[in-house]
Amino acid sequence: MSDPRDIDEDAILKGLSAEELDRLEEELMEMDPENAMLPAGFRQRDQTKKSPTGTFDREALQQHLEKEALEHEDREDLVPFTKEKKGKTFVPKKPAEIPEHEQVKLEPELEEALKNATDAEMCDIAVTLLSHAKQKGRHPESQSRVCPAPPACQRDGRCTPGWSPDED
């Protein structure tokens, strides 16, 4: 047998008819085993020789599977089920009540605005308040360059660890 590198592909392609060239082109476009975007069934051509056994009837298949499931006996549980409850039942904790003298009263408009604010808007407010407190020296971390707010509370709503309002 001759070396496969010595085969003249151009001569073979010239000898194919237009119909055979179209079929070859179609097969080459369908098959791409390296393309992960194609479903597995399209990466390789169908190589089965079996003809279809019949038409697909979904209802008949479901009825057959249900009938088979009802006929099949369930196996016995290793530990029989009892309705006995084990352990403690969950009792949710009541939120801690804020004493009357510590509760902050806001104007109804501000209450409504804060209630309807998005997370990003709340983060903007927190950063602004922390920046103001640092400038006035009232914040315990006023000497720090790192924002003490949670990482999600940053200027543009994205997590930027280590960002400080002083860096603007």
N, C-alpha and C. Protein backbone atom coordinates (compact mmCIF):
# COMPACT_ATOMS: atom_id res chain seq x y z
N MET A 1 0.86 -1.18 0.00
CA MET A 1 0.00 0.00 0.00
C MET A 1 0.89 1.23 0.00
N SER A 2 0.49 2.26 -0.70
CA SER A 2 1.30 3.47 -0.80
C SER A 2 1.09 4.36 0.42
N ASP A 3 1.97 5.32 0.55
CA ASP A 3 1.93 6.25 1.67
C ASP A 3 0.70 7.16 1.53
N PRO A 4 -0.10 7.35 2.59
CA PRO A 4 -1.29 8.20 2.50
C PRO A 4 -0.97 9.65 2.15
N ARG A 5 0.26 10.08 2.43
CA ARG A 5 0.63 11.45 2.10
C ARG A 5 0.82 11.66 0.60
N ASP A 6 0.95 10.56 -0.14
CA ASP A 6 1.16 10.65 -1.59
C ASP A 6 -0.15 10.71 -2.37
N ILE A 7 -1.30 10.64 -1.69
CA ILE A 7 -2.60 10.66 -2.37
C ILE A 7 -2.87 12.06 -2.89
N ASP A 8 -3.33 12.15 -4.10
CA ASP A 8 -3.65 13.44 -4.72
C ASP A 8 -5.13 13.75 -4.49
N GLU A 9 -5.40 14.59 -3.45
CA GLU A 9 -6.79 14.92 -3.09
C GLU A 9 -7.49 15.70 -4.20
N ASP A 10 -6.73 16.55 -4.88
CA ASP A 10 -7.34 17.36 -5.94
C ASP A 10 -7.88 16.47 -7.07
N ALA A 11 -7.14 15.42 -7.41
CA ALA A 11 -7.59 14.52 -8.47
C ALA A 11 -8.86 13.78 -8.05
N ILE A 12 -8.92 13.39 -6.80
CA ILE A 12 -10.12 12.70 -6.29
C ILE A 12 -11.31 13.64 -6.32
N LEU A 13 -11.12 14.89 -5.85
CA LEU A 13 -12.21 15.86 -5.83
C LEU A 13 -12.69 16.21 -7.24
N LYS A 14 -11.77 16.25 -8.20
CA LYS A 14 -12.17 16.54 -9.60
C LYS A 14 -13.00 15.41 -10.18
N GLY A 15 -12.78 14.19 -9.69
CA GLY A 15 -13.51 13.03 -10.20
C GLY A 15 -14.91 12.88 -9.62
N LEU A 16 -15.27 13.67 -8.60
CA LEU A 16 -16.60 13.58 -7.98
C LEU A 16 -17.62 14.37 -8.78
N SER A 17 -18.84 13.88 -8.79
CA SER A 17 -19.93 14.60 -9.46
C SER A 17 -20.40 15.76 -8.57
N ALA A 18 -21.23 16.64 -9.13
CA ALA A 18 -21.72 17.80 -8.38
C ALA A 18 -22.55 17.35 -7.18
N GLU A 19 -23.35 16.29 -7.36
CA GLU A 19 -24.17 15.77 -6.28
C GLU A 19 -23.30 15.21 -5.16
N GLU A 20 -22.26 14.48 -5.53
CA GLU A 20 -21.35 13.91 -4.53
C GLU A 20 -20.59 15.01 -3.80
N LEU A 21 -20.20 16.06 -4.50
CA LEU A 21 -19.53 17.20 -3.85
C LEU A 21 -20.46 17.89 -2.85
N ASP A 22 -21.72 18.07 -3.23
CA ASP A 22 -22.69 18.69 -2.31
C ASP A 22 -22.87 17.85 -1.06
N ARG A 23 -22.98 16.53 -1.26
CA ARG A 23 -23.14 15.63 -0.12
C ARG A 23 -21.91 15.66 0.78
N LEU A 24 -20.73 15.69 0.20
CA LEU A 24 -19.48 15.76 0.97
C LEU A 24 -19.41 17.06 1.75
N GLU A 25 -19.77 18.15 1.09
CA GLU A 25 -19.74 19.46 1.76
C GLU A 25 -20.72 19.48 2.94
N GLU A 26 -21.91 18.91 2.74
CA GLU A 26 -22.92 18.86 3.80
C GLU A 26 -22.42 18.06 5.00
N GLU A 27 -21.79 16.93 4.72
CA GLU A 27 -21.26 16.09 5.81
C GLU A 27 -20.13 16.79 6.54
N LEU A 28 -19.28 17.49 5.82
CA LEU A 28 -18.17 18.20 6.46
C LEU A 28 -18.67 19.35 7.33
N MET A 29 -19.75 20.00 6.90
CA MET A 29 -20.28 21.11 7.69
C MET A 29 -20.97 20.59 8.95
N GLU A 30 -21.61 19.43 8.87
CA GLU A 30 -22.31 18.88 10.03
C GLU A 30 -21.35 18.34 11.07
N MET A 31 -20.26 17.73 10.61
CA MET A 31 -19.36 17.06 11.54
C MET A 31 -18.23 18.00 11.96
N ASP A 32 -18.14 18.25 13.24
CA ASP A 32 -17.02 18.99 13.79
C ASP A 32 -16.83 18.51 15.22
N PRO A 33 -16.03 17.46 15.42
CA PRO A 33 -15.91 16.89 16.76
C PRO A 33 -15.30 17.84 17.78
N GLU A 34 -14.64 18.89 17.32
CA GLU A 34 -14.01 19.82 18.25
C GLU A 34 -14.94 20.95 18.69
N ASN A 35 -16.05 21.12 18.01
CA ASN A 35 -16.95 22.22 18.30
C ASN A 35 -17.85 21.86 19.48
N ALA A 36 -17.57 22.43 20.65
CA ALA A 36 -18.34 22.13 21.86
C ALA A 36 -19.71 22.79 21.84
N MET A 37 -19.93 23.74 20.92
CA MET A 37 -21.23 24.41 20.85
C MET A 37 -22.27 23.53 20.16
N LEU A 38 -21.83 22.55 19.38
CA LEU A 38 -22.77 21.64 18.72
C LEU A 38 -23.21 20.56 19.69
N PRO A 39 -24.48 20.15 19.64
CA PRO A 39 -24.90 19.02 20.46
C PRO A 39 -24.14 17.76 20.05
N ALA A 40 -24.01 16.82 20.96
CA ALA A 40 -23.22 15.61 20.70
C ALA A 40 -23.71 14.87 19.46
N GLY A 41 -25.00 14.88 19.20
CA GLY A 41 -25.54 14.18 18.05
C GLY A 41 -25.14 14.79 16.72
N PHE A 42 -24.74 16.07 16.70
CA PHE A 42 -24.35 16.73 15.46
C PHE A 42 -22.85 16.73 15.23
N ARG A 43 -22.07 16.31 16.24
CA ARG A 43 -20.62 16.32 16.08
C ARG A 43 -20.14 15.17 15.21
N GLN A 44 -20.95 14.16 15.08
CA GLN A 44 -20.57 12.99 14.30
C GLN A 44 -21.80 12.51 13.56
N ARG A 45 -21.61 12.04 12.36
CA ARG A 45 -22.78 11.61 11.59
C ARG A 45 -23.34 10.31 12.18
N ASP A 46 -24.60 10.06 11.89
CA ASP A 46 -25.28 8.86 12.38
C ASP A 46 -24.72 7.63 11.67
N GLN A 47 -24.24 6.66 12.45
CA GLN A 47 -23.62 5.48 11.85
C GLN A 47 -24.47 4.23 12.04
N THR A 48 -25.69 4.39 12.53
CA THR A 48 -26.53 3.21 12.76
C THR A 48 -27.13 2.73 11.45
N LYS A 49 -27.25 1.45 11.34
CA LYS A 49 -27.85 0.84 10.13
C LYS A 49 -29.29 0.42 10.39
N LYS A 50 -29.74 0.54 11.63
CA LYS A 50 -31.07 0.08 12.02
C LYS A 50 -32.14 1.03 11.48
N SER A 51 -33.20 0.49 10.97
CA SER A 51 -34.30 1.32 10.49
C SER A 51 -35.25 1.62 11.66
N PRO A 52 -36.03 2.69 11.59
CA PRO A 52 -36.95 3.03 12.68
C PRO A 52 -37.95 1.89 12.93
N THR A 53 -38.24 1.64 14.21
CA THR A 53 -39.14 0.54 14.57
C THR A 53 -40.60 0.93 14.45
N GLY A 54 -40.90 2.20 14.39
CA GLY A 54 -42.29 2.63 14.26
C GLY A 54 -42.41 4.09 14.62
N THR A 55 -43.64 4.56 14.66
CA THR A 55 -43.87 5.95 15.01
C THR A 55 -43.83 6.10 16.52
N PHE A 56 -43.50 7.29 16.97
CA PHE A 56 -43.42 7.56 18.40
C PHE A 56 -44.79 7.99 18.89
N ASP A 57 -45.31 7.29 19.91
CA ASP A 57 -46.60 7.61 20.49
C ASP A 57 -46.38 7.90 21.97
N ARG A 58 -46.38 9.15 22.33
CA ARG A 58 -46.06 9.57 23.70
C ARG A 58 -47.07 9.03 24.71
N GLU A 59 -48.34 9.13 24.40
CA GLU A 59 -49.39 8.67 25.31
C GLU A 59 -49.25 7.17 25.59
N ALA A 60 -49.01 6.39 24.55
CA ALA A 60 -48.86 4.94 24.73
C ALA A 60 -47.64 4.63 25.58
N LEU A 61 -46.57 5.37 25.37
CA LEU A 61 -45.36 5.16 26.17
C LEU A 61 -45.62 5.50 27.63
N GLN A 62 -46.30 6.60 27.90
CA GLN A 62 -46.61 6.97 29.29
C GLN A 62 -47.50 5.93 29.95
N GLN A 63 -48.51 5.46 29.24
CA GLN A 63 -49.40 4.45 29.80
C GLN A 63 -48.64 3.16 30.11
N HIS A 64 -47.76 2.77 29.21
CA HIS A 64 -46.97 1.57 29.43
C HIS A 64 -46.07 1.73 30.66
N LEU A 65 -45.41 2.88 30.79
CA LEU A 65 -44.52 3.10 31.93
C LEU A 65 -45.30 3.14 33.25
N GLU A 66 -46.48 3.77 33.25
CA GLU A 66 -47.30 3.80 34.46
C GLU A 66 -47.77 2.41 34.84
N LYS A 67 -48.20 1.62 33.86
CA LYS A 67 -48.66 0.26 34.10
C LYS A 67 -47.52 -0.59 34.67
N GLU A 68 -46.34 -0.44 34.07
CA GLU A 68 -45.17 -1.20 34.54
C GLU A 68 -44.79 -0.80 35.96
N ALA A 69 -44.89 0.50 36.29
CA ALA A 69 -44.55 0.97 37.63
C ALA A 69 -45.53 0.45 38.67
N LEU A 70 -46.82 0.37 38.30
CA LEU A 70 -47.83 -0.14 39.24
C LEU A 70 -47.67 -1.64 39.47
N GLU A 71 -47.26 -2.37 38.45
CA GLU A 71 -47.09 -3.81 38.58
C GLU A 71 -45.84 -4.18 39.38
N HIS A 72 -44.84 -3.32 39.35
CA HIS A 72 -43.58 -3.60 40.03
C HIS A 72 -43.74 -3.37 41.54
N GLU A 73 -43.37 -4.35 42.34
CA GLU A 73 -43.51 -4.23 43.80
C GLU A 73 -42.40 -3.36 44.37
N ASP A 74 -42.80 -2.52 45.33
CA ASP A 74 -41.80 -1.71 46.01
C ASP A 74 -41.03 -2.59 46.98
N ARG A 75 -39.76 -2.25 47.19
CA ARG A 75 -38.99 -3.04 48.15
C ARG A 75 -39.26 -2.51 49.56
N GLU A 76 -39.08 -3.36 50.52
CA GLU A 76 -39.31 -2.99 51.91
C GLU A 76 -38.21 -2.03 52.39
N ASP A 77 -38.60 -1.05 53.19
CA ASP A 77 -37.63 -0.14 53.77
C ASP A 77 -36.80 -0.87 54.81
N LEU A 78 -35.51 -0.52 54.88
CA LEU A 78 -34.66 -1.13 55.89
C LEU A 78 -35.11 -0.69 57.29
N VAL A 79 -35.50 0.57 57.40
CA VAL A 79 -36.03 1.10 58.66
C VAL A 79 -37.46 1.53 58.34
N PRO A 80 -38.44 0.90 58.95
CA PRO A 80 -39.83 1.25 58.63
C PRO A 80 -40.16 2.70 58.99
N PHE A 81 -41.01 3.29 58.18
CA PHE A 81 -41.40 4.69 58.40
C PHE A 81 -42.40 4.77 59.55
N THR A 82 -42.12 5.67 60.49
CA THR A 82 -43.07 5.98 61.56
C THR A 82 -43.27 7.49 61.55
N LYS A 83 -44.39 7.92 62.03
CA LYS A 83 -44.67 9.35 62.01
C LYS A 83 -44.06 10.06 63.21
N GLU A 84 -43.17 9.40 63.89
CA GLU A 84 -42.54 9.96 65.09
C GLU A 84 -41.58 11.07 64.69
N LYS A 85 -41.68 12.20 65.38
CA LYS A 85 -40.78 13.33 65.12
C LYS A 85 -39.60 13.23 66.07
N LYS A 86 -38.41 13.40 65.51
CA LYS A 86 -37.21 13.31 66.32
C LYS A 86 -36.55 14.68 66.38
N GLY A 87 -35.93 14.99 67.46
CA GLY A 87 -35.24 16.27 67.61
C GLY A 87 -36.20 17.38 67.99
N LYS A 88 -35.64 18.58 68.04
CA LYS A 88 -36.43 19.75 68.42
C LYS A 88 -37.15 20.31 67.21
N THR A 89 -38.31 20.87 67.45
CA THR A 89 -39.02 21.54 66.38
C THR A 89 -38.47 22.96 66.27
N PHE A 90 -38.41 23.48 65.07
CA PHE A 90 -37.86 24.81 64.83
C PHE A 90 -38.85 25.87 65.29
N VAL A 91 -38.36 26.77 66.12
CA VAL A 91 -39.16 27.91 66.55
C VAL A 91 -38.39 29.16 66.15
N PRO A 92 -38.90 29.94 65.22
CA PRO A 92 -38.15 31.13 64.78
C PRO A 92 -38.04 32.15 65.90
N LYS A 93 -36.87 32.79 65.94
CA LYS A 93 -36.64 33.80 66.97
C LYS A 93 -37.38 35.08 66.61
N LYS A 94 -37.84 35.75 67.62
CA LYS A 94 -38.50 37.03 67.39
C LYS A 94 -37.40 38.09 67.25
N PRO A 95 -37.56 39.02 66.30
CA PRO A 95 -36.54 40.05 66.14
C PRO A 95 -36.45 40.89 67.41
N ALA A 96 -35.22 41.28 67.74
CA ALA A 96 -35.01 42.09 68.93
C ALA A 96 -35.68 43.45 68.75
N GLU A 97 -36.40 43.85 69.75
CA GLU A 97 -37.10 45.13 69.67
C GLU A 97 -36.14 46.25 70.06
N ILE A 98 -36.20 47.32 69.30
CA ILE A 98 -35.36 48.49 69.58
C ILE A 98 -36.09 49.34 70.62
N PRO A 99 -35.38 49.71 71.71
CA PRO A 99 -36.04 50.54 72.73
C PRO A 99 -36.56 51.85 72.13
N GLU A 100 -37.61 52.37 72.73
CA GLU A 100 -38.28 53.57 72.21
C GLU A 100 -37.33 54.76 72.08
N HIS A 101 -36.44 54.94 73.06
CA HIS A 101 -35.56 56.11 73.02
C HIS A 101 -34.46 55.99 71.95
N GLU A 102 -34.22 54.77 71.40
CA GLU A 102 -33.20 54.57 70.37
C GLU A 102 -33.78 54.55 68.95
N GLN A 103 -35.08 54.52 68.83
CA GLN A 103 -35.70 54.47 67.51
C GLN A 103 -35.59 55.82 66.82
N VAL A 104 -35.28 55.78 65.54
CA VAL A 104 -35.12 57.00 64.75
C VAL A 104 -36.43 57.28 64.02
N LYS A 105 -36.90 58.49 64.16
CA LYS A 105 -38.13 58.90 63.47
C LYS A 105 -37.73 59.73 62.26
N LEU A 106 -38.20 59.33 61.08
CA LEU A 106 -37.93 60.06 59.85
C LEU A 106 -39.23 60.61 59.28
N GLU A 107 -39.07 61.55 58.40
CA GLU A 107 -40.24 62.09 57.73
C GLU A 107 -40.85 60.98 56.87
N PRO A 108 -42.17 61.00 56.66
CA PRO A 108 -42.82 59.94 55.87
C PRO A 108 -42.24 59.79 54.47
N GLU A 109 -41.82 60.93 53.85
CA GLU A 109 -41.24 60.86 52.51
C GLU A 109 -39.93 60.09 52.52
N LEU A 110 -39.09 60.34 53.54
CA LEU A 110 -37.81 59.64 53.64
C LEU A 110 -38.03 58.16 53.95
N GLU A 111 -39.00 57.86 54.81
CA GLU A 111 -39.32 56.46 55.12
C GLU A 111 -39.69 55.71 53.84
N GLU A 112 -40.54 56.33 53.03
CA GLU A 112 -40.98 55.70 51.79
C GLU A 112 -39.82 55.52 50.81
N ALA A 113 -38.96 56.53 50.72
CA ALA A 113 -37.80 56.45 49.81
C ALA A 113 -36.85 55.34 50.24
N LEU A 114 -36.59 55.22 51.53
CA LEU A 114 -35.69 54.16 52.01
C LEU A 114 -36.31 52.78 51.86
N LYS A 115 -37.61 52.70 52.03
CA LYS A 115 -38.29 51.41 51.90
C LYS A 115 -38.23 50.90 50.46
N ASN A 116 -38.32 51.81 49.48
CA ASN A 116 -38.33 51.43 48.08
C ASN A 116 -36.96 51.49 47.40
N ALA A 117 -35.90 51.81 48.15
CA ALA A 117 -34.56 51.95 47.56
C ALA A 117 -33.99 50.58 47.19
N THR A 118 -33.24 50.56 46.09
CA THR A 118 -32.57 49.33 45.66
C THR A 118 -31.31 49.14 46.49
N ASP A 119 -30.68 47.95 46.36
CA ASP A 119 -29.45 47.68 47.09
C ASP A 119 -28.35 48.65 46.68
N ALA A 120 -28.25 48.94 45.41
CA ALA A 120 -27.21 49.85 44.93
C ALA A 120 -27.40 51.25 45.53
N GLU A 121 -28.65 51.71 45.59
CA GLU A 121 -28.93 53.03 46.17
C GLU A 121 -28.61 53.04 47.66
N MET A 122 -28.92 51.95 48.36
CA MET A 122 -28.60 51.87 49.79
C MET A 122 -27.09 51.89 50.00
N CYS A 123 -26.35 51.23 49.13
CA CYS A 123 -24.90 51.23 49.21
C CYS A 123 -24.35 52.63 48.98
N ASP A 124 -24.92 53.35 48.02
CA ASP A 124 -24.48 54.73 47.77
C ASP A 124 -24.70 55.59 49.01
N ILE A 125 -25.83 55.43 49.66
CA ILE A 125 -26.15 56.20 50.87
C ILE A 125 -25.16 55.85 51.97
N ALA A 126 -24.86 54.55 52.15
CA ALA A 126 -23.94 54.13 53.20
C ALA A 126 -22.55 54.70 52.98
N VAL A 127 -22.09 54.67 51.75
CA VAL A 127 -20.75 55.20 51.44
C VAL A 127 -20.71 56.70 51.68
N THR A 128 -21.76 57.40 51.29
CA THR A 128 -21.82 58.85 51.50
C THR A 128 -21.79 59.19 52.98
N LEU A 129 -22.59 58.46 53.77
CA LEU A 129 -22.62 58.71 55.22
C LEU A 129 -21.28 58.39 55.87
N LEU A 130 -20.65 57.29 55.46
CA LEU A 130 -19.35 56.94 56.03
C LEU A 130 -18.29 57.96 55.65
N SER A 131 -18.34 58.44 54.42
CA SER A 131 -17.38 59.44 53.97
C SER A 131 -17.54 60.72 54.78
N HIS A 132 -18.78 61.12 55.00
CA HIS A 132 -19.07 62.34 55.77
C HIS A 132 -18.58 62.17 57.21
N ALA A 133 -18.84 60.99 57.80
CA ALA A 133 -18.43 60.74 59.19
C ALA A 133 -16.90 60.75 59.30
N LYS A 134 -16.21 60.24 58.31
CA LYS A 134 -14.75 60.24 58.34
C LYS A 134 -14.19 61.66 58.22
N GLN A 135 -14.81 62.46 57.37
CA GLN A 135 -14.34 63.83 57.19
C GLN A 135 -14.50 64.63 58.49
N LYS A 136 -15.57 64.37 59.20
CA LYS A 136 -15.83 65.08 60.45
C LYS A 136 -15.06 64.46 61.62
N GLY A 137 -14.45 63.30 61.41
CA GLY A 137 -13.69 62.64 62.48
C GLY A 137 -14.59 61.95 63.49
N ARG A 138 -15.84 61.70 63.14
CA ARG A 138 -16.78 61.08 64.07
C ARG A 138 -16.82 59.56 63.93
N HIS A 139 -16.25 59.04 62.90
CA HIS A 139 -16.29 57.59 62.67
C HIS A 139 -15.10 56.94 63.36
N PRO A 140 -15.31 55.79 64.06
CA PRO A 140 -14.20 55.16 64.77
C PRO A 140 -13.04 54.75 63.86
N GLU A 141 -13.30 54.55 62.60
CA GLU A 141 -12.24 54.16 61.67
C GLU A 141 -11.87 55.33 60.77
N SER A 142 -11.94 56.55 61.30
CA SER A 142 -11.69 57.71 60.46
C SER A 142 -10.24 57.78 59.98
N GLN A 143 -9.33 57.09 60.66
CA GLN A 143 -7.94 57.07 60.24
C GLN A 143 -7.70 56.03 59.16
N SER A 144 -8.66 55.12 58.97
CA SER A 144 -8.49 54.02 58.01
C SER A 144 -8.73 54.50 56.59
N ARG A 145 -8.05 53.88 55.61
CA ARG A 145 -8.27 54.20 54.21
C ARG A 145 -9.23 53.21 53.56
N VAL A 146 -9.64 52.17 54.30
CA VAL A 146 -10.52 51.14 53.74
C VAL A 146 -11.94 51.40 54.19
N CYS A 147 -12.88 51.30 53.28
CA CYS A 147 -14.29 51.53 53.59
C CYS A 147 -14.78 50.44 54.54
N PRO A 148 -15.30 50.78 55.73
CA PRO A 148 -15.76 49.76 56.67
C PRO A 148 -17.12 49.19 56.31
N ALA A 149 -17.74 49.71 55.25
CA ALA A 149 -19.04 49.18 54.83
C ALA A 149 -18.85 47.79 54.26
N PRO A 150 -19.92 46.99 54.21
CA PRO A 150 -19.80 45.66 53.60
C PRO A 150 -19.28 45.78 52.17
N PRO A 151 -18.59 44.73 51.65
CA PRO A 151 -17.99 44.83 50.32
C PRO A 151 -18.97 45.17 49.21
N ALA A 152 -20.24 44.82 49.38
CA ALA A 152 -21.22 45.13 48.33
C ALA A 152 -21.57 46.61 48.31
N CYS A 153 -21.31 47.31 49.41
CA CYS A 153 -21.66 48.72 49.50
C CYS A 153 -20.52 49.56 48.96
N GLN A 154 -20.45 49.70 47.69
CA GLN A 154 -19.42 50.50 47.07
C GLN A 154 -20.07 51.50 46.14
N ARG A 155 -19.31 52.37 45.63
CA ARG A 155 -19.77 53.52 44.86
C ARG A 155 -20.69 53.15 43.71
N ASP A 156 -20.36 52.15 42.91
CA ASP A 156 -21.16 51.84 41.73
C ASP A 156 -21.98 50.57 41.89
N GLY A 157 -22.14 50.06 43.11
CA GLY A 157 -22.95 48.88 43.34
C GLY A 157 -22.20 47.58 43.12
N ARG A 158 -20.96 47.65 42.61
CA ARG A 158 -20.16 46.44 42.42
C ARG A 158 -19.22 46.29 43.59
N CYS A 159 -18.86 45.07 43.87
CA CYS A 159 -17.95 44.79 44.98
C CYS A 159 -16.55 45.23 44.58
N THR A 160 -16.00 46.17 45.32
CA THR A 160 -14.64 46.65 45.08
C THR A 160 -13.92 46.66 46.42
N PRO A 161 -13.39 45.49 46.86
CA PRO A 161 -12.73 45.45 48.16
C PRO A 161 -11.57 46.43 48.21
N GLY A 162 -11.43 47.11 49.34
CA GLY A 162 -10.33 48.02 49.54
C GLY A 162 -10.60 49.42 49.03
N TRP A 163 -11.77 49.68 48.44
CA TRP A 163 -12.09 51.01 47.94
C TRP A 163 -12.37 51.94 49.10
N SER A 164 -11.94 53.13 48.99
CA SER A 164 -12.16 54.11 50.04
C SER A 164 -12.76 55.36 49.41
N PRO A 165 -13.72 56.01 50.08
CA PRO A 165 -14.31 57.23 49.52
C PRO A 165 -13.28 58.33 49.42
N ASP A 166 -12.18 58.25 50.19
CA ASP A 166 -11.14 59.28 50.17
C ASP A 166 -10.33 59.23 48.87
N GLU A 167 -10.41 58.11 48.10
CA GLU A 167 -9.59 57.95 46.92
C GLU A 167 -10.15 58.66 45.70
N ASP A 168 -11.33 59.26 45.80
CA ASP A 168 -11.94 59.92 44.63
C ASP A 168 -11.23 61.18 44.26
